[in-house]
Amino acid sequence: MTEGTEQLRLELLAMRHAAPLEAFERANRAFFAARIGDRGDDFFSRFHLHLAERVAENASGRSLLCVVVDAAGEIVARVNLIDIDQPEPTELGYRVAEAAQGRGIATWGVTSALDLAAGRGVPRVHAKVATTNPASRRVLQHCGFALVGPTDPPTGSSKTFLSYGRDL
């Protein structure tokens, strides 16, 4: 375990996370938008509806959508594995609060979520990362992902992205 991650908890996303998750997303909106792309105003105006839909995805077994919570109960990261019920591709996404960068939280969260996914029988996971985000590329490499090649960017992003994959 990396120093600074001893007191972290990975929790499945639930409605009880509404207020701290919205605070996390709002506080880090510009930071995330610069690296991934902006979720847009609709995401925030309909936040509780979006959250309820994601919680339902967890309940149905389609996804593993998680938050990383620190010792103070604050959400410091998100880790999402979507389409775990499909043979291919389960896709990984993650984001760490700007103030929590550089402490190993992304690597810890991704590794913990991959362990959870492996326990549910997920065979392979893919991830996209912007070429302009070397820290995220290092996280994937530390977590055992291999570079696959160029890929389409997520909706709303004009950046160039690379695809990574890992067998579980």
Protein backbone atom coordinates (compact mmCIF):
# COMPACT_ATOMS: atom_id res chain seq x y z
CA MET A 1 0.00 0.00 0.00
CA THR A 2 1.33 3.44 -0.92
CA GLU A 3 1.99 5.90 1.88
CA GLY A 4 -1.08 8.08 2.23
CA THR A 5 -3.54 5.40 1.10
CA GLU A 6 -3.76 3.41 4.35
CA GLN A 7 -7.03 5.00 5.41
CA LEU A 8 -8.84 5.05 2.09
CA ARG A 9 -12.04 3.12 1.43
CA LEU A 10 -13.48 2.09 -1.92
CA GLU A 11 -17.28 2.28 -1.72
CA LEU A 12 -19.90 1.40 -4.31
CA LEU A 13 -21.66 4.58 -5.36
CA ALA A 14 -24.90 5.09 -3.41
CA MET A 15 -27.44 7.86 -2.94
CA ARG A 16 -25.85 8.65 0.45
CA HIS A 17 -22.89 10.00 -1.54
CA ALA A 18 -25.02 12.70 -3.23
CA ALA A 19 -23.86 15.79 -1.31
CA PRO A 20 -20.15 14.92 -1.01
CA LEU A 21 -20.00 13.68 -4.62
CA GLU A 22 -21.61 16.82 -5.99
CA ALA A 23 -19.16 18.91 -3.92
CA PHE A 24 -16.25 16.83 -5.30
CA GLU A 25 -17.43 17.28 -8.91
CA ARG A 26 -18.10 21.01 -8.57
CA ALA A 27 -14.84 21.77 -6.74
CA ASN A 28 -12.83 19.95 -9.40
CA ARG A 29 -14.85 20.80 -12.51
CA ALA A 30 -12.28 23.05 -14.17
CA PHE A 31 -9.42 20.72 -13.23
CA PHE A 32 -11.18 17.70 -14.77
CA ALA A 33 -12.37 19.66 -17.82
CA ALA A 34 -8.78 20.61 -18.64
CA ARG A 35 -7.68 16.96 -18.60
CA ILE A 36 -10.64 14.95 -19.84
CA GLY A 37 -13.40 17.26 -21.04
CA ASP A 38 -16.25 19.06 -19.31
CA ARG A 39 -19.36 17.17 -18.22
CA GLY A 40 -21.43 20.23 -19.08
CA ASP A 41 -24.01 22.24 -17.20
CA ASP A 42 -26.69 19.57 -17.71
CA PHE A 43 -24.71 17.15 -15.55
CA PHE A 44 -24.87 19.59 -12.64
CA SER A 45 -28.44 20.77 -13.18
CA ARG A 46 -29.64 17.15 -13.19
CA PHE A 47 -27.02 15.80 -10.78
CA HIS A 48 -29.40 13.81 -8.56
CA LEU A 49 -31.07 12.18 -11.57
CA HIS A 50 -27.67 11.21 -13.03
CA LEU A 51 -26.61 9.84 -9.64
CA ALA A 52 -29.80 7.77 -9.31
CA GLU A 53 -29.17 6.30 -12.78
CA ARG A 54 -25.59 5.36 -11.85
CA VAL A 55 -26.72 3.81 -8.55
CA ALA A 56 -29.25 1.75 -10.52
CA GLU A 57 -26.42 0.56 -12.82
CA ASN A 58 -24.58 -0.74 -9.76
CA ALA A 59 -27.70 -2.44 -8.44
CA SER A 60 -28.37 -4.15 -11.78
CA GLY A 61 -24.82 -5.50 -12.05
CA ARG A 62 -24.09 -3.59 -15.27
CA SER A 63 -21.36 -1.45 -13.73
CA LEU A 64 -19.08 -1.01 -10.74
CA LEU A 65 -19.21 2.70 -10.02
CA CYS A 66 -17.19 3.61 -6.95
CA VAL A 67 -15.98 6.49 -4.86
CA VAL A 68 -12.74 6.63 -2.89
CA VAL A 69 -13.34 8.06 0.56
CA ASP A 70 -10.61 9.28 2.90
CA ALA A 71 -10.42 8.98 6.70
CA ALA A 72 -12.38 12.23 7.12
CA GLY A 73 -15.24 10.87 4.97
CA GLU A 74 -14.42 13.13 2.03
CA ILE A 75 -14.64 11.82 -1.52
CA VAL A 76 -11.17 12.19 -3.03
CA ALA A 77 -11.63 10.13 -6.21
CA ARG A 78 -14.00 8.18 -8.41
CA VAL A 79 -13.31 4.88 -10.13
CA ASN A 80 -15.82 3.52 -12.63
CA LEU A 81 -15.95 0.21 -14.46
CA ILE A 82 -18.80 0.22 -16.95
CA ASP A 83 -20.32 -2.63 -18.96
CA ILE A 84 -19.01 -5.34 -16.64
CA ASP A 85 -21.93 -7.49 -17.77
CA GLN A 86 -20.66 -7.51 -21.38
CA PRO A 87 -18.02 -9.88 -22.71
CA GLU A 88 -16.06 -6.90 -24.12
CA PRO A 89 -15.24 -4.20 -23.42
CA THR A 90 -15.43 -3.26 -19.76
CA GLU A 91 -14.15 0.28 -19.60
CA LEU A 92 -12.30 1.92 -16.74
CA GLY A 93 -12.54 5.59 -15.88
CA TYR A 94 -11.19 7.44 -12.87
CA ARG A 95 -10.61 10.92 -11.56
CA VAL A 96 -8.82 12.21 -8.48
CA ALA A 97 -9.43 15.57 -6.80
CA GLU A 98 -6.87 18.20 -7.67
CA ALA A 99 -5.90 18.61 -4.00
CA ALA A 100 -5.34 14.84 -3.67
CA GLN A 101 -2.98 14.45 -6.64
CA GLY A 102 0.39 12.76 -6.24
CA ARG A 103 -0.45 10.56 -3.23
CA GLY A 104 -1.06 7.24 -5.00
CA ILE A 105 -4.83 7.51 -4.69
CA ALA A 106 -5.51 6.80 -8.37
CA THR A 107 -3.30 3.71 -8.37
CA TRP A 108 -4.84 2.47 -5.12
CA GLY A 109 -8.39 3.12 -6.32
CA VAL A 110 -7.89 1.52 -9.74
CA THR A 111 -6.19 -1.55 -8.23
CA SER A 112 -8.97 -1.93 -5.64
CA ALA A 113 -11.69 -1.60 -8.29
CA LEU A 114 -9.93 -4.11 -10.58
CA ASP A 115 -9.81 -6.61 -7.70
CA LEU A 116 -13.56 -6.11 -7.23
CA ALA A 117 -14.16 -6.57 -10.97
CA ALA A 118 -12.03 -9.73 -11.10
CA GLY A 119 -14.13 -11.12 -8.26
CA ARG A 120 -17.20 -10.57 -10.41
CA GLY A 121 -15.69 -12.43 -13.35
CA VAL A 122 -14.68 -9.50 -15.55
CA PRO A 123 -12.07 -10.90 -17.98
CA ARG A 124 -10.54 -7.75 -19.50
CA VAL A 125 -10.62 -4.00 -18.90
CA HIS A 126 -9.88 -1.14 -21.30
CA ALA A 127 -9.09 2.49 -20.51
CA LYS A 128 -8.66 5.69 -22.51
CA VAL A 129 -6.21 8.40 -21.57
CA ALA A 130 -5.33 11.72 -23.16
CA THR A 131 -1.85 11.92 -24.59
CA THR A 132 -1.49 15.17 -22.65
CA ASN A 133 -2.05 13.39 -19.31
CA PRO A 134 1.21 11.59 -18.46
CA ALA A 135 0.23 11.09 -14.81
CA SER A 136 -2.83 9.08 -15.80
CA ARG A 137 -0.78 7.07 -18.26
CA ARG A 138 1.64 6.21 -15.42
CA VAL A 139 -1.28 5.09 -13.24
CA LEU A 140 -2.41 2.66 -15.92
CA GLN A 141 1.12 1.33 -16.37
CA HIS A 142 1.55 0.89 -12.58
CA CYS A 143 -1.74 -1.03 -12.56
CA GLY A 144 -0.56 -3.49 -15.23
CA PHE A 145 -2.21 -2.01 -18.32
CA ALA A 146 -0.50 -2.26 -21.71
CA LEU A 147 -0.74 0.31 -24.49
CA VAL A 148 -3.08 -0.82 -27.28
CA GLY A 149 -2.89 2.25 -29.53
CA PRO A 150 -4.79 5.40 -30.56
CA THR A 151 -8.53 5.55 -29.88
CA ASP A 152 -11.48 7.90 -30.25
CA PRO A 153 -11.81 10.54 -27.53
CA PRO A 154 -14.70 10.47 -25.08
CA THR A 155 -17.76 12.51 -26.01
CA GLY A 156 -17.08 16.19 -25.48
CA SER A 157 -13.29 16.01 -25.71
CA SER A 158 -11.17 17.29 -28.57
CA LYS A 159 -7.96 15.80 -27.18
CA THR A 160 -6.00 12.89 -28.65
CA PHE A 161 -6.45 9.67 -26.66
CA LEU A 162 -4.68 6.34 -26.34
CA SER A 163 -6.24 3.01 -25.42
CA TYR A 164 -4.81 0.68 -22.78
CA GLY A 165 -5.91 -2.84 -21.86
CA ARG A 166 -5.41 -5.38 -19.10
CA ASP A 167 -6.49 -8.96 -18.62
CA LEU A 168 -7.80 -9.75 -15.17
